[in-house]
Amino acid sequence: CDQARVVLEDMTVAAFKVGALSSVEQASAI
């Protein structure tokens, strides 16, 4: 969550891609 939030507060993205996840908690956060 922190990796993503810091980046998204700094710049605008044109697309997201979600690949392999390791936990349900990750899925919820993303």
mmCIF file of all heavy atoms, coordinates in Angstrom:
data_MODEL
# 
_entry.id   MODEL 
# 
loop_
_atom_site.group_PDB 
_atom_site.id 
_atom_site.type_symbol 
_atom_site.label_atom_id 
_atom_site.label_alt_id 
_atom_site.label_comp_id 
_atom_site.label_asym_id 
_atom_site.label_entity_id 
_atom_site.label_seq_id 
_atom_site.pdbx_PDB_ins_code 
_atom_site.Cartn_x 
_atom_site.Cartn_y 
_atom_site.Cartn_z 
_atom_site.occupancy 
_atom_site.B_iso_or_equiv 
_atom_site.pdbx_formal_charge 
_atom_site.auth_seq_id 
_atom_site.auth_comp_id 
_atom_site.auth_asym_id 
_atom_site.auth_atom_id 
_atom_site.pdbx_PDB_model_num 
ATOM 1   N N   . CYS A 1 1  ? 0.827  -1.208  0.000   1.00 0.00 ? 1  CYS A N   1 
ATOM 2   C CA  . CYS A 1 1  ? 0.000  0.000   0.000   1.00 0.00 ? 1  CYS A CA  1 
ATOM 3   C C   . CYS A 1 1  ? 0.860  1.256   0.000   1.00 0.00 ? 1  CYS A C   1 
ATOM 4   O O   . CYS A 1 1  ? 0.622  2.192   -0.774  1.00 0.00 ? 1  CYS A O   1 
ATOM 5   C CB  . CYS A 1 1  ? -0.924 -0.037  1.218   1.00 0.00 ? 1  CYS A CB  1 
ATOM 6   S SG  . CYS A 1 1  ? -2.074 1.351   1.297   1.00 0.00 ? 1  CYS A SG  1 
ATOM 7   N N   . ASP A 1 2  ? 1.877  1.287   0.856   1.00 0.00 ? 2  ASP A N   1 
ATOM 8   C CA  . ASP A 1 2  ? 2.722  2.484   0.957   1.00 0.00 ? 2  ASP A CA  1 
ATOM 9   C C   . ASP A 1 2  ? 3.504  2.734   -0.321  1.00 0.00 ? 2  ASP A C   1 
ATOM 10  O O   . ASP A 1 2  ? 3.671  3.893   -0.749  1.00 0.00 ? 2  ASP A O   1 
ATOM 11  C CB  . ASP A 1 2  ? 3.683  2.350   2.136   1.00 0.00 ? 2  ASP A CB  1 
ATOM 12  C CG  . ASP A 1 2  ? 2.984  2.451   3.483   1.00 0.00 ? 2  ASP A CG  1 
ATOM 13  O OD1 . ASP A 1 2  ? 1.810  2.876   3.507   1.00 0.00 ? 2  ASP A OD1 1 
ATOM 14  O OD2 . ASP A 1 2  ? 3.605  2.093   4.503   1.00 0.00 ? 2  ASP A OD2 1 
ATOM 15  N N   . GLN A 1 3  ? 3.999  1.661   -0.952  1.00 0.00 ? 3  GLN A N   1 
ATOM 16  C CA  . GLN A 1 3  ? 4.705  1.829   -2.231  1.00 0.00 ? 3  GLN A CA  1 
ATOM 17  C C   . GLN A 1 3  ? 3.817  2.552   -3.240  1.00 0.00 ? 3  GLN A C   1 
ATOM 18  O O   . GLN A 1 3  ? 4.245  3.493   -3.918  1.00 0.00 ? 3  GLN A O   1 
ATOM 19  C CB  . GLN A 1 3  ? 5.096  0.467   -2.809  1.00 0.00 ? 3  GLN A CB  1 
ATOM 20  C CG  . GLN A 1 3  ? 6.205  -0.265  -2.109  1.00 0.00 ? 3  GLN A CG  1 
ATOM 21  C CD  . GLN A 1 3  ? 6.449  -1.604  -2.778  1.00 0.00 ? 3  GLN A CD  1 
ATOM 22  O OE1 . GLN A 1 3  ? 7.094  -1.685  -3.823  1.00 0.00 ? 3  GLN A OE1 1 
ATOM 23  N NE2 . GLN A 1 3  ? 5.917  -2.673  -2.195  1.00 0.00 ? 3  GLN A NE2 1 
ATOM 24  N N   . ALA A 1 4  ? 2.574  2.110   -3.342  1.00 0.00 ? 4  ALA A N   1 
ATOM 25  C CA  . ALA A 1 4  ? 1.664  2.670   -4.338  1.00 0.00 ? 4  ALA A CA  1 
ATOM 26  C C   . ALA A 1 4  ? 1.223  4.081   -3.987  1.00 0.00 ? 4  ALA A C   1 
ATOM 27  O O   . ALA A 1 4  ? 1.213  4.975   -4.848  1.00 0.00 ? 4  ALA A O   1 
ATOM 28  C CB  . ALA A 1 4  ? 0.446  1.767   -4.490  1.00 0.00 ? 4  ALA A CB  1 
ATOM 29  N N   . ARG A 1 5  ? 0.850  4.314   -2.737  1.00 0.00 ? 5  ARG A N   1 
ATOM 30  C CA  . ARG A 1 5  ? 0.315  5.616   -2.342  1.00 0.00 ? 5  ARG A CA  1 
ATOM 31  C C   . ARG A 1 5  ? 1.341  6.720   -2.535  1.00 0.00 ? 5  ARG A C   1 
ATOM 32  O O   . ARG A 1 5  ? 1.007  7.817   -3.006  1.00 0.00 ? 5  ARG A O   1 
ATOM 33  C CB  . ARG A 1 5  ? -0.145 5.581   -0.882  1.00 0.00 ? 5  ARG A CB  1 
ATOM 34  C CG  . ARG A 1 5  ? -1.389 4.736   -0.625  1.00 0.00 ? 5  ARG A CG  1 
ATOM 35  C CD  . ARG A 1 5  ? -2.605 5.304   -1.291  1.00 0.00 ? 5  ARG A CD  1 
ATOM 36  N NE  . ARG A 1 5  ? -3.831 4.600   -0.878  1.00 0.00 ? 5  ARG A NE  1 
ATOM 37  C CZ  . ARG A 1 5  ? -5.002 4.741   -1.476  1.00 0.00 ? 5  ARG A CZ  1 
ATOM 38  N NH1 . ARG A 1 5  ? -5.122 5.537   -2.533  1.00 0.00 ? 5  ARG A NH1 1 
ATOM 39  N NH2 . ARG A 1 5  ? -6.060 4.082   -1.045  1.00 0.00 ? 5  ARG A NH2 1 
ATOM 40  N N   . VAL A 1 6  ? 2.598  6.453   -2.174  1.00 0.00 ? 6  VAL A N   1 
ATOM 41  C CA  . VAL A 1 6  ? 3.640  7.470   -2.321  1.00 0.00 ? 6  VAL A CA  1 
ATOM 42  C C   . VAL A 1 6  ? 3.821  7.846   -3.792  1.00 0.00 ? 6  VAL A C   1 
ATOM 43  O O   . VAL A 1 6  ? 3.931  9.027   -4.146  1.00 0.00 ? 6  VAL A O   1 
ATOM 44  C CB  . VAL A 1 6  ? 4.964  6.970   -1.709  1.00 0.00 ? 6  VAL A CB  1 
ATOM 45  C CG1 . VAL A 1 6  ? 6.119  7.885   -2.095  1.00 0.00 ? 6  VAL A CG1 1 
ATOM 46  C CG2 . VAL A 1 6  ? 4.857  6.907   -0.190  1.00 0.00 ? 6  VAL A CG2 1 
ATOM 47  N N   . VAL A 1 7  ? 3.836  6.855   -4.661  1.00 0.00 ? 7  VAL A N   1 
ATOM 48  C CA  . VAL A 1 7  ? 3.991  7.116   -6.090  1.00 0.00 ? 7  VAL A CA  1 
ATOM 49  C C   . VAL A 1 7  ? 2.792  7.891   -6.638  1.00 0.00 ? 7  VAL A C   1 
ATOM 50  O O   . VAL A 1 7  ? 2.943  8.887   -7.361  1.00 0.00 ? 7  VAL A O   1 
ATOM 51  C CB  . VAL A 1 7  ? 4.161  5.785   -6.855  1.00 0.00 ? 7  VAL A CB  1 
ATOM 52  C CG1 . VAL A 1 7  ? 4.010  6.001   -8.356  1.00 0.00 ? 7  VAL A CG1 1 
ATOM 53  C CG2 . VAL A 1 7  ? 5.510  5.162   -6.553  1.00 0.00 ? 7  VAL A CG2 1 
ATOM 54  N N   . LEU A 1 8  ? 1.588  7.466   -6.274  1.00 0.00 ? 8  LEU A N   1 
ATOM 55  C CA  . LEU A 1 8  ? 0.382  8.079   -6.829  1.00 0.00 ? 8  LEU A CA  1 
ATOM 56  C C   . LEU A 1 8  ? 0.142  9.495   -6.312  1.00 0.00 ? 8  LEU A C   1 
ATOM 57  O O   . LEU A 1 8  ? -0.551 10.285  -6.960  1.00 0.00 ? 8  LEU A O   1 
ATOM 58  C CB  . LEU A 1 8  ? -0.830 7.188   -6.537  1.00 0.00 ? 8  LEU A CB  1 
ATOM 59  C CG  . LEU A 1 8  ? -0.833 5.855   -7.290  1.00 0.00 ? 8  LEU A CG  1 
ATOM 60  C CD1 . LEU A 1 8  ? -1.904 4.924   -6.739  1.00 0.00 ? 8  LEU A CD1 1 
ATOM 61  C CD2 . LEU A 1 8  ? -1.056 6.087   -8.778  1.00 0.00 ? 8  LEU A CD2 1 
ATOM 62  N N   . GLU A 1 9  ? 0.688  9.818   -5.163  1.00 0.00 ? 9  GLU A N   1 
ATOM 63  C CA  . GLU A 1 9  ? 0.590  11.192  -4.671  1.00 0.00 ? 9  GLU A CA  1 
ATOM 64  C C   . GLU A 1 9  ? 1.528  12.127  -5.416  1.00 0.00 ? 9  GLU A C   1 
ATOM 65  O O   . GLU A 1 9  ? 1.363  13.349  -5.375  1.00 0.00 ? 9  GLU A O   1 
ATOM 66  C CB  . GLU A 1 9  ? 0.900  11.229  -3.179  1.00 0.00 ? 9  GLU A CB  1 
ATOM 67  C CG  . GLU A 1 9  ? -0.207 10.623  -2.315  1.00 0.00 ? 9  GLU A CG  1 
ATOM 68  C CD  . GLU A 1 9  ? 0.209  10.461  -0.872  1.00 0.00 ? 9  GLU A CD  1 
ATOM 69  O OE1 . GLU A 1 9  ? 1.347  10.877  -0.523  1.00 0.00 ? 9  GLU A OE1 1 
ATOM 70  O OE2 . GLU A 1 9  ? -0.592 9.910   -0.083  1.00 0.00 ? 9  GLU A OE2 1 
ATOM 71  N N   . ASP A 1 10 ? 2.500  11.554  -6.120  1.00 0.00 ? 10 ASP A N   1 
ATOM 72  C CA  . ASP A 1 10 ? 3.517  12.351  -6.803  1.00 0.00 ? 10 ASP A CA  1 
ATOM 73  C C   . ASP A 1 10 ? 3.262  12.513  -8.287  1.00 0.00 ? 10 ASP A C   1 
ATOM 74  O O   . ASP A 1 10 ? 3.696  13.498  -8.883  1.00 0.00 ? 10 ASP A O   1 
ATOM 75  C CB  . ASP A 1 10 ? 4.887  11.702  -6.576  1.00 0.00 ? 10 ASP A CB  1 
ATOM 76  C CG  . ASP A 1 10 ? 6.026  12.487  -7.189  1.00 0.00 ? 10 ASP A CG  1 
ATOM 77  O OD1 . ASP A 1 10 ? 6.077  13.713  -6.990  1.00 0.00 ? 10 ASP A OD1 1 
ATOM 78  O OD2 . ASP A 1 10 ? 6.868  11.877  -7.872  1.00 0.00 ? 10 ASP A OD2 1 
ATOM 79  N N   . MET A 1 11 ? 2.566  11.574  -8.908  1.00 0.00 ? 11 MET A N   1 
ATOM 80  C CA  . MET A 1 11 ? 2.434  11.608  -10.365 1.00 0.00 ? 11 MET A CA  1 
ATOM 81  C C   . MET A 1 11 ? 1.120  10.961  -10.807 1.00 0.00 ? 11 MET A C   1 
ATOM 82  O O   . MET A 1 11 ? 0.468  10.259  -10.035 1.00 0.00 ? 11 MET A O   1 
ATOM 83  C CB  . MET A 1 11 ? 3.626  10.926  -11.038 1.00 0.00 ? 11 MET A CB  1 
ATOM 84  C CG  . MET A 1 11 ? 3.831  9.485   -10.646 1.00 0.00 ? 11 MET A CG  1 
ATOM 85  S SD  . MET A 1 11 ? 5.504  8.861   -11.046 1.00 0.00 ? 11 MET A SD  1 
ATOM 86  C CE  . MET A 1 11 ? 6.427  9.460   -9.616  1.00 0.00 ? 11 MET A CE  1 
ATOM 87  N N   . THR A 1 12 ? 0.757  11.226  -12.053 1.00 0.00 ? 12 THR A N   1 
ATOM 88  C CA  . THR A 1 12 ? -0.493 10.720  -12.619 1.00 0.00 ? 12 THR A CA  1 
ATOM 89  C C   . THR A 1 12 ? -0.204 9.553   -13.549 1.00 0.00 ? 12 THR A C   1 
ATOM 90  O O   . THR A 1 12 ? 0.657  9.646   -14.422 1.00 0.00 ? 12 THR A O   1 
ATOM 91  C CB  . THR A 1 12 ? -1.212 11.840  -13.400 1.00 0.00 ? 12 THR A CB  1 
ATOM 92  O OG1 . THR A 1 12 ? -1.480 12.929  -12.521 1.00 0.00 ? 12 THR A OG1 1 
ATOM 93  C CG2 . THR A 1 12 ? -2.518 11.331  -13.988 1.00 0.00 ? 12 THR A CG2 1 
ATOM 94  N N   . VAL A 1 13 ? -0.929 8.462   -13.367 1.00 0.00 ? 13 VAL A N   1 
ATOM 95  C CA  . VAL A 1 13 ? -0.710 7.288   -14.206 1.00 0.00 ? 13 VAL A CA  1 
ATOM 96  C C   . VAL A 1 13 ? -1.820 7.156   -15.231 1.00 0.00 ? 13 VAL A C   1 
ATOM 97  O O   . VAL A 1 13 ? -2.954 7.602   -15.018 1.00 0.00 ? 13 VAL A O   1 
ATOM 98  C CB  . VAL A 1 13 ? -0.602 6.006   -13.363 1.00 0.00 ? 13 VAL A CB  1 
ATOM 99  C CG1 . VAL A 1 13 ? 0.553  6.118   -12.366 1.00 0.00 ? 13 VAL A CG1 1 
ATOM 100 C CG2 . VAL A 1 13 ? -1.892 5.683   -12.640 1.00 0.00 ? 13 VAL A CG2 1 
ATOM 101 N N   . ALA A 1 14 ? -1.477 6.522   -16.355 1.00 0.00 ? 14 ALA A N   1 
ATOM 102 C CA  . ALA A 1 14 ? -2.441 6.322   -17.434 1.00 0.00 ? 14 ALA A CA  1 
ATOM 103 C C   . ALA A 1 14 ? -3.082 4.948   -17.392 1.00 0.00 ? 14 ALA A C   1 
ATOM 104 O O   . ALA A 1 14 ? -4.093 4.724   -18.057 1.00 0.00 ? 14 ALA A O   1 
ATOM 105 C CB  . ALA A 1 14 ? -1.760 6.527   -18.785 1.00 0.00 ? 14 ALA A CB  1 
ATOM 106 N N   . ALA A 1 15 ? -2.509 4.027   -16.618 1.00 0.00 ? 15 ALA A N   1 
ATOM 107 C CA  . ALA A 1 15 ? -3.072 2.676   -16.521 1.00 0.00 ? 15 ALA A CA  1 
ATOM 108 C C   . ALA A 1 15 ? -2.492 1.977   -15.300 1.00 0.00 ? 15 ALA A C   1 
ATOM 109 O O   . ALA A 1 15 ? -1.394 2.312   -14.835 1.00 0.00 ? 15 ALA A O   1 
ATOM 110 C CB  . ALA A 1 15 ? -2.780 1.858   -17.778 1.00 0.00 ? 15 ALA A CB  1 
ATOM 111 N N   . PHE A 1 16 ? -3.260 1.012   -14.799 1.00 0.00 ? 16 PHE A N   1 
ATOM 112 C CA  . PHE A 1 16 ? -2.797 0.089   -13.768 1.00 0.00 ? 16 PHE A CA  1 
ATOM 113 C C   . PHE A 1 16 ? -2.700 -1.301  -14.373 1.00 0.00 ? 16 PHE A C   1 
ATOM 114 O O   . PHE A 1 16 ? -3.526 -1.687  -15.209 1.00 0.00 ? 16 PHE A O   1 
ATOM 115 C CB  . PHE A 1 16 ? -3.787 0.005   -12.597 1.00 0.00 ? 16 PHE A CB  1 
ATOM 116 C CG  . PHE A 1 16 ? -3.884 1.242   -11.752 1.00 0.00 ? 16 PHE A CG  1 
ATOM 117 C CD1 . PHE A 1 16 ? -5.065 1.978   -11.716 1.00 0.00 ? 16 PHE A CD1 1 
ATOM 118 C CD2 . PHE A 1 16 ? -2.815 1.657   -10.972 1.00 0.00 ? 16 PHE A CD2 1 
ATOM 119 C CE1 . PHE A 1 16 ? -5.182 3.103   -10.916 1.00 0.00 ? 16 PHE A CE1 1 
ATOM 120 C CE2 . PHE A 1 16 ? -2.923 2.790   -10.165 1.00 0.00 ? 16 PHE A CE2 1 
ATOM 121 C CZ  . PHE A 1 16 ? -4.100 3.519   -10.135 1.00 0.00 ? 16 PHE A CZ  1 
ATOM 122 N N   . LYS A 1 17 ? -1.713 -2.057  -13.905 1.00 0.00 ? 17 LYS A N   1 
ATOM 123 C CA  . LYS A 1 17 ? -1.706 -3.494  -14.174 1.00 0.00 ? 17 LYS A CA  1 
ATOM 124 C C   . LYS A 1 17 ? -1.523 -4.209  -12.845 1.00 0.00 ? 17 LYS A C   1 
ATOM 125 O O   . LYS A 1 17 ? -0.650 -3.832  -12.052 1.00 0.00 ? 17 LYS A O   1 
ATOM 126 C CB  . LYS A 1 17 ? -0.595 -3.908  -15.134 1.00 0.00 ? 17 LYS A CB  1 
ATOM 127 C CG  . LYS A 1 17 ? -0.632 -5.430  -15.368 1.00 0.00 ? 17 LYS A CG  1 
ATOM 128 C CD  . LYS A 1 17 ? 0.570  -5.990  -16.072 1.00 0.00 ? 17 LYS A CD  1 
ATOM 129 C CE  . LYS A 1 17 ? 0.572  -7.515  -15.906 1.00 0.00 ? 17 LYS A CE  1 
ATOM 130 N NZ  . LYS A 1 17 ? 1.750  -8.163  -16.498 1.00 0.00 ? 17 LYS A NZ  1 
ATOM 131 N N   . VAL A 1 18 ? -2.334 -5.218  -12.581 1.00 0.00 ? 18 VAL A N   1 
ATOM 132 C CA  . VAL A 1 18 ? -2.203 -6.039  -11.387 1.00 0.00 ? 18 VAL A CA  1 
ATOM 133 C C   . VAL A 1 18 ? -1.867 -7.456  -11.829 1.00 0.00 ? 18 VAL A C   1 
ATOM 134 O O   . VAL A 1 18 ? -2.636 -8.090  -12.551 1.00 0.00 ? 18 VAL A O   1 
ATOM 135 C CB  . VAL A 1 18 ? -3.483 -6.020  -10.533 1.00 0.00 ? 18 VAL A CB  1 
ATOM 136 C CG1 . VAL A 1 18 ? -3.354 -6.994  -9.364  1.00 0.00 ? 18 VAL A CG1 1 
ATOM 137 C CG2 . VAL A 1 18 ? -3.774 -4.620  -10.021 1.00 0.00 ? 18 VAL A CG2 1 
ATOM 138 N N   . GLY A 1 19 ? -0.704 -7.924  -11.367 1.00 0.00 ? 19 GLY A N   1 
ATOM 139 C CA  . GLY A 1 19 ? -0.266 -9.269  -11.679 1.00 0.00 ? 19 GLY A CA  1 
ATOM 140 C C   . GLY A 1 19 ? -0.429 -10.193 -10.485 1.00 0.00 ? 19 GLY A C   1 
ATOM 141 O O   . GLY A 1 19 ? -1.413 -10.093 -9.739  1.00 0.00 ? 19 GLY A O   1 
ATOM 142 N N   . ALA A 1 20 ? 0.548  -11.051 -10.268 1.00 0.00 ? 20 ALA A N   1 
ATOM 143 C CA  . ALA A 1 20 ? 0.452  -12.060 -9.213  1.00 0.00 ? 20 ALA A CA  1 
ATOM 144 C C   . ALA A 1 20 ? 0.535  -11.422 -7.833  1.00 0.00 ? 20 ALA A C   1 
ATOM 145 O O   . ALA A 1 20 ? 1.376  -10.554 -7.580  1.00 0.00 ? 20 ALA A O   1 
ATOM 146 C CB  . ALA A 1 20 ? 1.561  -13.088 -9.376  1.00 0.00 ? 20 ALA A CB  1 
ATOM 147 N N   . LEU A 1 21 ? -0.335 -11.870 -6.945  1.00 0.00 ? 21 LEU A N   1 
ATOM 148 C CA  . LEU A 1 21 ? -0.388 -11.380 -5.569  1.00 0.00 ? 21 LEU A CA  1 
ATOM 149 C C   . LEU A 1 21 ? -0.014 -12.508 -4.617  1.00 0.00 ? 21 LEU A C   1 
ATOM 150 O O   . LEU A 1 21 ? -0.083 -13.686 -4.966  1.00 0.00 ? 21 LEU A O   1 
ATOM 151 C CB  . LEU A 1 21 ? -1.783 -10.858 -5.247  1.00 0.00 ? 21 LEU A CB  1 
ATOM 152 C CG  . LEU A 1 21 ? -2.353 -9.817  -6.226  1.00 0.00 ? 21 LEU A CG  1 
ATOM 153 C CD1 . LEU A 1 21 ? -3.750 -9.411  -5.806  1.00 0.00 ? 21 LEU A CD1 1 
ATOM 154 C CD2 . LEU A 1 21 ? -1.436 -8.612  -6.326  1.00 0.00 ? 21 LEU A CD2 1 
ATOM 155 N N   . SER A 1 22 ? 0.361  -12.129 -3.372  1.00 0.00 ? 22 SER A N   1 
ATOM 156 C CA  . SER A 1 22 ? 0.827  -13.117 -2.400  1.00 0.00 ? 22 SER A CA  1 
ATOM 157 C C   . SER A 1 22 ? -0.148 -13.367 -1.269  1.00 0.00 ? 22 SER A C   1 
ATOM 158 O O   . SER A 1 22 ? 0.023  -14.317 -0.509  1.00 0.00 ? 22 SER A O   1 
ATOM 159 C CB  . SER A 1 22 ? 2.171  -12.675 -1.804  1.00 0.00 ? 22 SER A CB  1 
ATOM 160 O OG  . SER A 1 22 ? 3.140  -12.466 -2.797  1.00 0.00 ? 22 SER A OG  1 
ATOM 161 N N   . SER A 1 23 ? -1.179 -12.509 -1.124  1.00 0.00 ? 23 SER A N   1 
ATOM 162 C CA  . SER A 1 23 ? -2.085 -12.661 0.017   1.00 0.00 ? 23 SER A CA  1 
ATOM 163 C C   . SER A 1 23 ? -3.403 -11.961 -0.254  1.00 0.00 ? 23 SER A C   1 
ATOM 164 O O   . SER A 1 23 ? -3.496 -11.062 -1.097  1.00 0.00 ? 23 SER A O   1 
ATOM 165 C CB  . SER A 1 23 ? -1.458 -12.082 1.291   1.00 0.00 ? 23 SER A CB  1 
ATOM 166 O OG  . SER A 1 23 ? -1.361 -10.668 1.209   1.00 0.00 ? 23 SER A OG  1 
ATOM 167 N N   . VAL A 1 24 ? -4.415 -12.367 0.500   1.00 0.00 ? 24 VAL A N   1 
ATOM 168 C CA  . VAL A 1 24 ? -5.719 -11.704 0.443   1.00 0.00 ? 24 VAL A CA  1 
ATOM 169 C C   . VAL A 1 24 ? -5.593 -10.256 0.891   1.00 0.00 ? 24 VAL A C   1 
ATOM 170 O O   . VAL A 1 24 ? -6.252 -9.361  0.344   1.00 0.00 ? 24 VAL A O   1 
ATOM 171 C CB  . VAL A 1 24 ? -6.733 -12.463 1.312   1.00 0.00 ? 24 VAL A CB  1 
ATOM 172 C CG1 . VAL A 1 24 ? -8.041 -11.690 1.430   1.00 0.00 ? 24 VAL A CG1 1 
ATOM 173 C CG2 . VAL A 1 24 ? -6.993 -13.854 0.747   1.00 0.00 ? 24 VAL A CG2 1 
ATOM 174 N N   . GLU A 1 25 ? -4.738 -10.016 1.875   1.00 0.00 ? 25 GLU A N   1 
ATOM 175 C CA  . GLU A 1 25 ? -4.542 -8.652  2.374   1.00 0.00 ? 25 GLU A CA  1 
ATOM 176 C C   . GLU A 1 25 ? -3.983 -7.742  1.285   1.00 0.00 ? 25 GLU A C   1 
ATOM 177 O O   . GLU A 1 25 ? -4.367 -6.571  1.185   1.00 0.00 ? 25 GLU A O   1 
ATOM 178 C CB  . GLU A 1 25 ? -3.605 -8.667  3.585   1.00 0.00 ? 25 GLU A CB  1 
ATOM 179 C CG  . GLU A 1 25 ? -4.195 -9.305  4.835   1.00 0.00 ? 25 GLU A CG  1 
ATOM 180 C CD  . GLU A 1 25 ? -4.232 -10.831 4.775   1.00 0.00 ? 25 GLU A CD  1 
ATOM 181 O OE1 . GLU A 1 25 ? -3.521 -11.425 3.929   1.00 0.00 ? 25 GLU A OE1 1 
ATOM 182 O OE2 . GLU A 1 25 ? -4.983 -11.436 5.573   1.00 0.00 ? 25 GLU A OE2 1 
ATOM 183 N N   . GLN A 1 26 ? -3.100 -8.281  0.463   1.00 0.00 ? 26 GLN A N   1 
ATOM 184 C CA  . GLN A 1 26 ? -2.602 -7.498  -0.673  1.00 0.00 ? 26 GLN A CA  1 
ATOM 185 C C   . GLN A 1 26 ? -3.726 -7.169  -1.646  1.00 0.00 ? 26 GLN A C   1 
ATOM 186 O O   . GLN A 1 26 ? -3.846 -6.034  -2.119  1.00 0.00 ? 26 GLN A O   1 
ATOM 187 C CB  . GLN A 1 26 ? -1.507 -8.271  -1.407  1.00 0.00 ? 26 GLN A CB  1 
ATOM 188 C CG  . GLN A 1 26 ? -0.174 -8.329  -0.709  1.00 0.00 ? 26 GLN A CG  1 
ATOM 189 C CD  . GLN A 1 26 ? 0.875  -9.013  -1.563  1.00 0.00 ? 26 GLN A CD  1 
ATOM 190 O OE1 . GLN A 1 26 ? 0.592  -9.451  -2.695  1.00 0.00 ? 26 GLN A OE1 1 
ATOM 191 N NE2 . GLN A 1 26 ? 2.091  -9.122  -1.053  1.00 0.00 ? 26 GLN A NE2 1 
ATOM 192 N N   . ALA A 1 27 ? -4.542 -8.161  -1.950  1.00 0.00 ? 27 ALA A N   1 
ATOM 193 C CA  . ALA A 1 27 ? -5.661 -7.936  -2.864  1.00 0.00 ? 27 ALA A CA  1 
ATOM 194 C C   . ALA A 1 27 ? -6.581 -6.844  -2.345  1.00 0.00 ? 27 ALA A C   1 
ATOM 195 O O   . ALA A 1 27 ? -7.027 -5.968  -3.108  1.00 0.00 ? 27 ALA A O   1 
ATOM 196 C CB  . ALA A 1 27 ? -6.435 -9.236  -3.079  1.00 0.00 ? 27 ALA A CB  1 
ATOM 197 N N   . SER A 1 28 ? -6.859 -6.862  -1.059  1.00 0.00 ? 28 SER A N   1 
ATOM 198 C CA  . SER A 1 28 ? -7.733 -5.849  -0.459  1.00 0.00 ? 28 SER A CA  1 
ATOM 199 C C   . SER A 1 28 ? -7.112 -4.471  -0.542  1.00 0.00 ? 28 SER A C   1 
ATOM 200 O O   . SER A 1 28 ? -7.792 -3.481  -0.871  1.00 0.00 ? 28 SER A O   1 
ATOM 201 C CB  . SER A 1 28 ? -8.020 -6.210  1.002   1.00 0.00 ? 28 SER A CB  1 
ATOM 202 O OG  . SER A 1 28 ? -8.704 -7.440  1.103   1.00 0.00 ? 28 SER A OG  1 
ATOM 203 N N   . ALA A 1 29 ? -5.815 -4.382  -0.244  1.00 0.00 ? 29 ALA A N   1 
ATOM 204 C CA  . ALA A 1 29 ? -5.134 -3.091  -0.288  1.00 0.00 ? 29 ALA A CA  1 
ATOM 205 C C   . ALA A 1 29 ? -5.126 -2.523  -1.701  1.00 0.00 ? 29 ALA A C   1 
ATOM 206 O O   . ALA A 1 29 ? -5.398 -1.328  -1.914  1.00 0.00 ? 29 ALA A O   1 
ATOM 207 C CB  . ALA A 1 29 ? -3.709 -3.238  0.240   1.00 0.00 ? 29 ALA A CB  1 
ATOM 208 N N   . ILE A 1 30 ? -4.820 -3.360  -2.684  1.00 0.00 ? 30 ILE A N   1 
ATOM 209 C CA  . ILE A 1 30 ? -4.757 -2.894  -4.072  1.00 0.00 ? 30 ILE A CA  1 
ATOM 210 C C   . ILE A 1 30 ? -6.139 -2.506  -4.575  1.00 0.00 ? 30 ILE A C   1 
ATOM 211 O O   . ILE A 1 30 ? -6.303 -1.499  -5.279  1.00 0.00 ? 30 ILE A O   1 
ATOM 212 C CB  . ILE A 1 30 ? -4.119 -3.973  -4.956  1.00 0.00 ? 30 ILE A CB  1 
ATOM 213 C CG1 . ILE A 1 30 ? -2.652 -4.159  -4.559  1.00 0.00 ? 30 ILE A CG1 1 
ATOM 214 C CG2 . ILE A 1 30 ? -4.235 -3.603  -6.433  1.00 0.00 ? 30 ILE A CG2 1 
ATOM 215 C CD1 . ILE A 1 30 ? -1.984 -5.363  -5.198  1.00 0.00 ? 30 ILE A CD1 1 
# 
